[in-house]
Amino acid sequence: MRIPRFTVRRLMLAVAVIGVMMSYERMRERWTTLRGRAAYHARLAEFYRASIDDPSGWLKPNPEMEKHDPEPPPISPYGPDAWEPDKCRILMEYHARMRDYWESHW
């Protein structure tokens, strides 16, 4: 029975293949995380945009948004003046910018 020969070329090829496999897995995890953050901000921007158009939804907290919050918003949605249209507009613009930011890092 022959013992396989491990030449430098074969070892370099094996290291390269393993490196590509590991980097692909890491990039896939990163893409998943970034897509999730972008989707979160897109949902919140749409929520605040709808709140400007329909004031009846201003005082309805959305527990789904709180559960998946990767970072806190700049203005608390539970402040006394957070649900006024100008504050909703600020939050809508903030989340639109954050969505663009996370989409640009894919």
C-alpha atoms as a PDB file:
ATOM      1  CA  MET A   1       0.000   0.000   0.000  1.00  0.00           C
ATOM      2  CA  ARG A   2       1.304   3.365  -1.027  1.00  0.00           C
ATOM      3  CA  ILE A   3       1.455   6.227   1.402  1.00  0.00           C
ATOM      4  CA  PRO A   4       0.158   9.423  -0.216  1.00  0.00           C
ATOM      5  CA  ARG A   5       2.759  12.037  -0.829  1.00  0.00           C
ATOM      6  CA  PHE A   6       2.157  15.404   0.772  1.00  0.00           C
ATOM      7  CA  THR A   7       3.917  17.882  -1.396  1.00  0.00           C
ATOM      8  CA  VAL A   8       4.043  21.570  -0.635  1.00  0.00           C
ATOM      9  CA  ARG A   9       1.737  22.236  -3.566  1.00  0.00           C
ATOM     10  CA  ARG A  10      -0.931  19.829  -2.278  1.00  0.00           C
ATOM     11  CA  LEU A  11      -0.720  21.227   1.241  1.00  0.00           C
ATOM     12  CA  MET A  12      -1.077  24.784  -0.070  1.00  0.00           C
ATOM     13  CA  LEU A  13      -4.087  23.736  -2.115  1.00  0.00           C
ATOM     14  CA  ALA A  14      -5.684  22.060   0.919  1.00  0.00           C
ATOM     15  CA  VAL A  15      -5.154  25.174   3.057  1.00  0.00           C
ATOM     16  CA  ALA A  16      -6.634  27.374   0.319  1.00  0.00           C
ATOM     17  CA  VAL A  17      -9.739  25.190  -0.042  1.00  0.00           C
ATOM     18  CA  ILE A  18     -10.321  25.118   3.718  1.00  0.00           C
ATOM     19  CA  GLY A  19      -9.817  28.892   3.891  1.00  0.00           C
ATOM     20  CA  VAL A  20     -12.390  29.506   1.159  1.00  0.00           C
ATOM     21  CA  MET A  21     -14.912  27.262   2.897  1.00  0.00           C
ATOM     22  CA  MET A  22     -14.430  29.012   6.244  1.00  0.00           C
ATOM     23  CA  SER A  23     -14.627  32.501   4.763  1.00  0.00           C
ATOM     24  CA  TYR A  24     -17.807  31.636   2.843  1.00  0.00           C
ATOM     25  CA  GLU A  25     -19.521  30.469   6.032  1.00  0.00           C
ATOM     26  CA  ARG A  26     -18.485  33.624   7.867  1.00  0.00           C
ATOM     27  CA  MET A  27     -19.675  35.883   5.033  1.00  0.00           C
ATOM     28  CA  ARG A  28     -22.998  34.035   4.877  1.00  0.00           C
ATOM     29  CA  GLU A  29     -23.549  34.668   8.591  1.00  0.00           C
ATOM     30  CA  ARG A  30     -22.614  38.319   8.130  1.00  0.00           C
ATOM     31  CA  TRP A  31     -25.006  38.750   5.193  1.00  0.00           C
ATOM     32  CA  THR A  32     -27.819  37.190   7.226  1.00  0.00           C
ATOM     33  CA  THR A  33     -27.180  39.566  10.125  1.00  0.00           C
ATOM     34  CA  LEU A  34     -26.986  42.646   7.917  1.00  0.00           C
ATOM     35  CA  ARG A  35     -30.128  41.716   5.991  1.00  0.00           C
ATOM     36  CA  GLY A  36     -31.969  41.259   9.281  1.00  0.00           C
ATOM     37  CA  ARG A  37     -30.892  44.686  10.518  1.00  0.00           C
ATOM     38  CA  ALA A  38     -31.890  46.320   7.246  1.00  0.00           C
ATOM     39  CA  ALA A  39     -35.289  44.587   7.318  1.00  0.00           C
ATOM     40  CA  TYR A  40     -35.856  45.714  10.918  1.00  0.00           C
ATOM     41  CA  HIS A  41     -35.192  49.352  10.018  1.00  0.00           C
ATOM     42  CA  ALA A  42     -37.321  49.096   6.888  1.00  0.00           C
ATOM     43  CA  ARG A  43     -40.270  47.827   8.957  1.00  0.00           C
ATOM     44  CA  LEU A  44     -39.870  50.615  11.509  1.00  0.00           C
ATOM     45  CA  ALA A  45     -39.564  53.295   8.821  1.00  0.00           C
ATOM     46  CA  GLU A  46     -42.773  52.009   7.252  1.00  0.00           C
ATOM     47  CA  PHE A  47     -44.448  51.904  10.670  1.00  0.00           C
ATOM     48  CA  TYR A  48     -43.586  55.562  11.370  1.00  0.00           C
ATOM     49  CA  ARG A  49     -44.570  56.575   7.830  1.00  0.00           C
ATOM     50  CA  ALA A  50     -47.966  54.945   8.381  1.00  0.00           C
ATOM     51  CA  SER A  51     -48.236  56.666  11.774  1.00  0.00           C
ATOM     52  CA  ILE A  52     -47.904  60.059  10.108  1.00  0.00           C
ATOM     53  CA  ASP A  53     -50.679  59.211   7.649  1.00  0.00           C
ATOM     54  CA  ASP A  54     -52.958  57.484  10.190  1.00  0.00           C
ATOM     55  CA  PRO A  55     -52.792  59.031  13.692  1.00  0.00           C
ATOM     56  CA  SER A  56     -54.963  56.290  15.185  1.00  0.00           C
ATOM     57  CA  GLY A  57     -51.957  53.916  15.201  1.00  0.00           C
ATOM     58  CA  TRP A  58     -49.683  56.253  17.143  1.00  0.00           C
ATOM     59  CA  LEU A  59     -50.373  54.843  20.567  1.00  0.00           C
ATOM     60  CA  LYS A  60     -50.231  51.188  19.575  1.00  0.00           C
ATOM     61  CA  PRO A  61     -46.812  49.775  20.495  1.00  0.00           C
ATOM     62  CA  ASN A  62     -45.615  46.937  18.343  1.00  0.00           C
ATOM     63  CA  PRO A  63     -44.032  44.211  20.554  1.00  0.00           C
ATOM     64  CA  GLU A  64     -42.525  42.480  17.509  1.00  0.00           C
ATOM     65  CA  MET A  65     -40.367  45.545  16.865  1.00  0.00           C
ATOM     66  CA  GLU A  66     -39.161  45.683  20.471  1.00  0.00           C
ATOM     67  CA  LYS A  67     -38.186  42.018  20.473  1.00  0.00           C
ATOM     68  CA  HIS A  68     -35.878  42.258  17.428  1.00  0.00           C
ATOM     69  CA  ASP A  69     -34.336  45.653  18.161  1.00  0.00           C
ATOM     70  CA  PRO A  70     -30.607  45.466  17.292  1.00  0.00           C
ATOM     71  CA  GLU A  71     -30.045  49.011  18.559  1.00  0.00           C
ATOM     72  CA  PRO A  72     -32.237  51.550  20.344  1.00  0.00           C
ATOM     73  CA  PRO A  73     -33.867  54.331  18.301  1.00  0.00           C
ATOM     74  CA  PRO A  74     -32.616  57.900  18.867  1.00  0.00           C
ATOM     75  CA  ILE A  75     -36.007  59.017  20.222  1.00  0.00           C
ATOM     76  CA  SER A  76     -37.955  56.760  22.528  1.00  0.00           C
ATOM     77  CA  PRO A  77     -41.300  55.818  20.968  1.00  0.00           C
ATOM     78  CA  TYR A  78     -42.796  55.962  24.458  1.00  0.00           C
ATOM     79  CA  GLY A  79     -41.912  59.583  25.230  1.00  0.00           C
ATOM     80  CA  PRO A  80     -44.788  62.029  25.676  1.00  0.00           C
ATOM     81  CA  ASP A  81     -44.125  63.801  22.364  1.00  0.00           C
ATOM     82  CA  ALA A  82     -42.666  60.909  20.338  1.00  0.00           C
ATOM     83  CA  TRP A  83     -45.910  60.221  18.513  1.00  0.00           C
ATOM     84  CA  GLU A  84     -46.397  63.718  17.150  1.00  0.00           C
ATOM     85  CA  PRO A  85     -46.051  63.837  13.353  1.00  0.00           C
ATOM     86  CA  ASP A  86     -42.763  65.772  13.391  1.00  0.00           C
ATOM     87  CA  LYS A  87     -41.182  63.237  15.765  1.00  0.00           C
ATOM     88  CA  CYS A  88     -42.521  60.378  13.663  1.00  0.00           C
ATOM     89  CA  ARG A  89     -40.962  62.019  10.625  1.00  0.00           C
ATOM     90  CA  ILE A  90     -37.597  62.236  12.423  1.00  0.00           C
ATOM     91  CA  LEU A  91     -37.811  58.560  13.387  1.00  0.00           C
ATOM     92  CA  MET A  92     -38.913  57.573   9.886  1.00  0.00           C
ATOM     93  CA  GLU A  93     -35.919  59.386   8.349  1.00  0.00           C
ATOM     94  CA  TYR A  94     -33.559  57.879  10.920  1.00  0.00           C
ATOM     95  CA  HIS A  95     -34.712  54.327  10.190  1.00  0.00           C
ATOM     96  CA  ALA A  96     -34.594  54.937   6.437  1.00  0.00           C
ATOM     97  CA  ARG A  97     -30.971  56.089   6.796  1.00  0.00           C
ATOM     98  CA  MET A  98     -30.139  53.079   8.958  1.00  0.00           C
ATOM     99  CA  ARG A  99     -31.763  50.744   6.413  1.00  0.00           C
ATOM    100  CA  ASP A 100     -29.620  52.289   3.669  1.00  0.00           C
ATOM    101  CA  TYR A 101     -26.550  52.022   5.882  1.00  0.00           C
ATOM    102  CA  TRP A 102     -27.020  48.301   6.572  1.00  0.00           C
ATOM    103  CA  GLU A 103     -27.906  47.574   2.940  1.00  0.00           C
ATOM    104  CA  SER A 104     -24.692  49.285   1.817  1.00  0.00           C
ATOM    105  CA  HIS A 105     -22.613  46.904   3.937  1.00  0.00           C
ATOM    106  CA  TRP A 106     -23.857  43.689   2.302  1.00  0.00           C
END
